[in-house]
Structures are given as C-alpha cells and as structure tokens.
PDB file of N, CA and C in Angstrom:
ATOM      1  N   UNK A   1     -31.287  28.137 184.246  1.00  0.00           N
ATOM      2  CA  UNK A   1     -31.806  27.235 183.224  1.00  0.00           C
ATOM      3  C   UNK A   1     -30.804  27.171 182.074  1.00  0.00           C
ATOM      4  N   UNK A   2     -30.410  25.972 181.663  1.00  0.00           N
ATOM      5  CA  UNK A   2     -29.455  25.855 180.554  1.00  0.00           C
ATOM      6  C   UNK A   2     -30.057  26.333 179.242  1.00  0.00           C
ATOM      7  N   UNK A   3     -29.180  26.619 178.278  1.00  0.00           N
ATOM      8  CA  UNK A   3     -29.639  27.076 176.964  1.00  0.00           C
ATOM      9  C   UNK A   3     -30.458  26.017 176.253  1.00  0.00           C
ATOM     10  N   UNK A   4     -31.175  26.450 175.253  1.00  0.00           N
ATOM     11  CA  UNK A   4     -32.011  25.524 174.489  1.00  0.00           C
ATOM     12  C   UNK A   4     -31.143  24.545 173.714  1.00  0.00           C
ATOM     13  N   UNK A   5     -31.611  23.331 173.595  1.00  0.00           N
ATOM     14  CA  UNK A   5     -30.873  22.334 172.814  1.00  0.00           C
ATOM     15  C   UNK A   5     -30.862  22.750 171.357  1.00  0.00           C
ATOM     16  N   UNK A   6     -29.732  22.547 170.714  1.00  0.00           N
ATOM     17  CA  UNK A   6     -29.623  22.886 169.304  1.00  0.00           C
ATOM     18  C   UNK A   6     -29.273  24.341 169.064  1.00  0.00           C
ATOM     19  N   UNK A   7     -29.204  25.127 170.142  1.00  0.00           N
ATOM     20  CA  UNK A   7     -28.864  26.542 169.982  1.00  0.00           C
ATOM     21  C   UNK A   7     -27.371  26.679 169.694  1.00  0.00           C
ATOM     22  N   UNK A   8     -27.043  27.461 168.708  1.00  0.00           N
ATOM     23  CA  UNK A   8     -25.643  27.673 168.331  1.00  0.00           C
ATOM     24  C   UNK A   8     -25.208  29.029 168.857  1.00  0.00           C
ATOM     25  N   UNK A   9     -24.156  29.050 169.651  1.00  0.00           N
ATOM     26  CA  UNK A   9     -23.689  30.305 170.242  1.00  0.00           C
ATOM     27  C   UNK A   9     -22.940  31.168 169.232  1.00  0.00           C
ATOM     28  N   UNK A  10     -22.486  30.580 168.151  1.00  0.00           N
ATOM     29  CA  UNK A  10     -21.709  31.318 167.161  1.00  0.00           C
ATOM     30  C   UNK A  10     -20.221  31.164 167.375  1.00  0.00           C
ATOM     31  N   UNK A  11     -19.818  30.700 168.562  1.00  0.00           N
ATOM     32  CA  UNK A  11     -18.401  30.516 168.841  1.00  0.00           C
ATOM     33  C   UNK A  11     -17.803  29.395 168.005  1.00  0.00           C
ATOM     34  N   UNK A  12     -18.613  28.412 167.650  1.00  0.00           N
ATOM     35  CA  UNK A  12     -18.117  27.274 166.889  1.00  0.00           C
ATOM     36  C   UNK A  12     -18.359  27.427 165.389  1.00  0.00           C
ATOM     37  N   UNK A  13     -18.858  28.580 164.974  1.00  0.00           N
ATOM     38  CA  UNK A  13     -19.123  28.828 163.561  1.00  0.00           C
ATOM     39  C   UNK A  13     -17.852  29.370 162.902  1.00  0.00           C
ATOM     40  N   UNK A  14     -17.590  28.950 161.664  1.00  0.00           N
ATOM     41  CA  UNK A  14     -16.421  29.501 160.970  1.00  0.00           C
ATOM     42  C   UNK A  14     -16.659  30.964 160.603  1.00  0.00           C
ATOM     43  N   UNK A  15     -15.603  31.741 160.584  1.00  0.00           N
ATOM     44  CA  UNK A  15     -15.758  33.138 160.183  1.00  0.00           C
ATOM     45  C   UNK A  15     -15.847  33.203 158.665  1.00  0.00           C
ATOM     46  N   UNK A  16     -16.610  34.157 158.177  1.00  0.00           N
ATOM     47  CA  UNK A  16     -16.787  34.338 156.739  1.00  0.00           C
ATOM     48  C   UNK A  16     -16.093  35.633 156.357  1.00  0.00           C
ATOM     49  N   UNK A  17     -15.180  35.583 155.387  1.00  0.00           N
ATOM     50  CA  UNK A  17     -14.505  36.814 154.959  1.00  0.00           C
ATOM     51  C   UNK A  17     -15.509  37.834 154.434  1.00  0.00           C
ATOM     52  N   UNK A  18     -15.223  39.101 154.613  1.00  0.00           N
ATOM     53  CA  UNK A  18     -16.129  40.177 154.225  1.00  0.00           C
ATOM     54  C   UNK A  18     -16.289  40.287 152.711  1.00  0.00           C
ATOM     55  N   UNK A  19     -15.250  39.973 151.947  1.00  0.00           N
ATOM     56  CA  UNK A  19     -15.299  40.168 150.496  1.00  0.00           C
ATOM     57  C   UNK A  19     -16.421  39.361 149.824  1.00  0.00           C
ATOM     58  N   UNK A  20     -16.562  38.051 150.085  1.00  0.00           N
ATOM     59  CA  UNK A  20     -17.657  37.323 149.438  1.00  0.00           C
ATOM     60  C   UNK A  20     -19.033  37.835 149.856  1.00  0.00           C
ATOM     61  N   UNK A  21     -19.153  38.261 151.085  1.00  0.00           N
ATOM     62  CA  UNK A  21     -20.444  38.793 151.537  1.00  0.00           C
ATOM     63  C   UNK A  21     -20.774  40.060 150.764  1.00  0.00           C
ATOM     64  N   UNK A  22     -19.783  40.914 150.559  1.00  0.00           N
ATOM     65  CA  UNK A  22     -20.010  42.155 149.813  1.00  0.00           C
ATOM     66  C   UNK A  22     -20.420  41.875 148.365  1.00  0.00           C
ATOM     67  N   UNK A  23     -19.960  40.757 147.804  1.00  0.00           N
ATOM     68  CA  UNK A  23     -20.341  40.412 146.435  1.00  0.00           C
ATOM     69  C   UNK A  23     -21.797  39.961 146.363  1.00  0.00           C
ATOM     70  N   UNK A  24     -22.267  39.266 147.392  1.00  0.00           N
ATOM     71  CA  UNK A  24     -23.641  38.746 147.386  1.00  0.00           C
ATOM     72  C   UNK A  24     -24.646  39.763 147.900  1.00  0.00           C
ATOM     73  N   UNK A  25     -24.263  40.527 148.895  1.00  0.00           N
ATOM     74  CA  UNK A  25     -25.188  41.452 149.550  1.00  0.00           C
ATOM     75  C   UNK A  25     -24.860  42.861 149.100  1.00  0.00           C
ATOM     76  N   UNK A  26     -25.724  43.423 148.282  1.00  0.00           N
ATOM     77  CA  UNK A  26     -25.476  44.763 147.762  1.00  0.00           C
ATOM     78  C   UNK A  26     -26.447  45.790 148.333  1.00  0.00           C
ATOM     79  N   UNK A  27     -27.347  45.376 149.185  1.00  0.00           N
ATOM     80  CA  UNK A  27     -28.313  46.288 149.791  1.00  0.00           C
ATOM     81  C   UNK A  27     -29.216  45.513 150.719  1.00  0.00           C
ATOM     82  N   UNK A  28     -30.338  46.112 151.103  1.00  0.00           N
ATOM     83  CA  UNK A  28     -31.277  45.398 151.974  1.00  0.00           C
ATOM     84  C   UNK A  28     -31.757  44.115 151.303  1.00  0.00           C
ATOM     85  N   UNK A  29     -31.905  43.070 152.103  1.00  0.00           N
ATOM     86  CA  UNK A  29     -32.322  41.777 151.551  1.00  0.00           C
ATOM     87  C   UNK A  29     -33.675  41.379 152.113  1.00  0.00           C
ATOM     88  N   UNK A  30     -34.538  40.882 151.245  1.00  0.00           N
ATOM     89  CA  UNK A  30     -35.821  40.346 151.689  1.00  0.00           C
ATOM     90  C   UNK A  30     -35.595  38.958 152.277  1.00  0.00           C
ATOM     91  N   UNK A  31     -36.595  38.433 152.940  1.00  0.00           N
ATOM     92  CA  UNK A  31     -36.499  37.086 153.511  1.00  0.00           C
ATOM     93  C   UNK A  31     -36.239  36.065 152.413  1.00  0.00           C
ATOM     94  N   UNK A  32     -36.854  36.252 151.267  1.00  0.00           N
ATOM     95  CA  UNK A  32     -36.654  35.326 150.151  1.00  0.00           C
ATOM     96  C   UNK A  32     -35.219  35.372 149.641  1.00  0.00           C
ATOM     97  N   UNK A  33     -34.633  36.571 149.598  1.00  0.00           N
ATOM     98  CA  UNK A  33     -33.256  36.708 149.139  1.00  0.00           C
ATOM     99  C   UNK A  33     -32.283  36.070 150.134  1.00  0.00           C
ATOM    100  N   UNK A  34     -32.549  36.238 151.418  1.00  0.00           N
ATOM    101  CA  UNK A  34     -31.702  35.610 152.441  1.00  0.00           C
ATOM    102  C   UNK A  34     -31.784  34.100 152.311  1.00  0.00           C
ATOM    103  N   UNK A  35     -32.993  33.572 152.126  1.00  0.00           N
ATOM    104  CA  UNK A  35     -33.185  32.127 151.978  1.00  0.00           C
ATOM    105  C   UNK A  35     -32.470  31.615 150.733  1.00  0.00           C
ATOM    106  N   UNK A  36     -32.594  32.313 149.621  1.00  0.00           N
ATOM    107  CA  UNK A  36     -31.935  31.886 148.390  1.00  0.00           C
ATOM    108  C   UNK A  36     -30.418  31.897 148.546  1.00  0.00           C
ATOM    109  N   UNK A  37     -29.883  32.900 149.212  1.00  0.00           N
ATOM    110  CA  UNK A  37     -28.441  32.983 149.416  1.00  0.00           C
ATOM    111  C   UNK A  37     -27.961  31.841 150.320  1.00  0.00           C
ATOM    112  N   UNK A  38     -28.713  31.559 151.368  1.00  0.00           N
ATOM    113  CA  UNK A  38     -28.294  30.483 152.271  1.00  0.00           C
ATOM    114  C   UNK A  38     -28.356  29.128 151.586  1.00  0.00           C
ATOM    115  N   UNK A  39     -29.354  28.913 150.745  1.00  0.00           N
ATOM    116  CA  UNK A  39     -29.445  27.653 149.987  1.00  0.00           C
ATOM    117  C   UNK A  39     -28.275  27.537 149.020  1.00  0.00           C
ATOM    118  N   UNK A  40     -27.936  28.633 148.348  1.00  0.00           N
ATOM    119  CA  UNK A  40     -26.823  28.612 147.402  1.00  0.00           C
ATOM    120  C   UNK A  40     -25.516  28.299 148.123  1.00  0.00           C
ATOM    121  N   UNK A  41     -25.327  28.858 149.303  1.00  0.00           N
ATOM    122  CA  UNK A  41     -24.095  28.583 150.052  1.00  0.00           C
ATOM    123  C   UNK A  41     -24.055  27.152 150.554  1.00  0.00           C
ATOM    124  N   UNK A  42     -25.201  26.618 150.964  1.00  0.00           N
ATOM    125  CA  UNK A  42     -25.248  25.225 151.410  1.00  0.00           C
ATOM    126  C   UNK A  42     -24.964  24.274 150.260  1.00  0.00           C
ATOM    127  N   UNK A  43     -25.508  24.590 149.069  1.00  0.00           N
ATOM    128  CA  UNK A  43     -25.284  23.747 147.894  1.00  0.00           C
ATOM    129  C   UNK A  43     -23.826  23.788 147.442  1.00  0.00           C
ATOM    130  N   UNK A  44     -23.156  24.911 147.668  1.00  0.00           N
ATOM    131  CA  UNK A  44     -21.769  25.067 147.256  1.00  0.00           C
ATOM    132  C   UNK A  44     -20.823  24.287 148.174  1.00  0.00           C
ATOM    133  N   UNK A  45     -21.308  23.918 149.330  1.00  0.00           N
ATOM    134  CA  UNK A  45     -20.462  23.229 150.320  1.00  0.00           C
ATOM    135  C   UNK A  45     -20.261  21.810 149.989  1.00  0.00           C
TER     136      UNK A  45
END
C-alpha cells in the first residue's frame, strides 16, 4: 500500500542549523509552546 497522500518523508525538508534551535528551545516544550514557535517561524518566512 502506498504512503498516505500529503505525507512528508523529511527528505525534501530543509535542514535547520542547531544554533537557532538552541536559542528557542531551552527545555521541555508544551504543545502550546511548540505551536507558538512554529507560528513564529512560519511568520518569519
């Protein structure tokens, strides 16, 4: 059975340098914090 439509394997995703991630993520993140970070990154694009 082929993979689900819209599924991203990650092979086509750009790599993210570790330094910016370390600046944003300083410990365990709640679902709300992950959502806020992803929105901020999308808005910055």
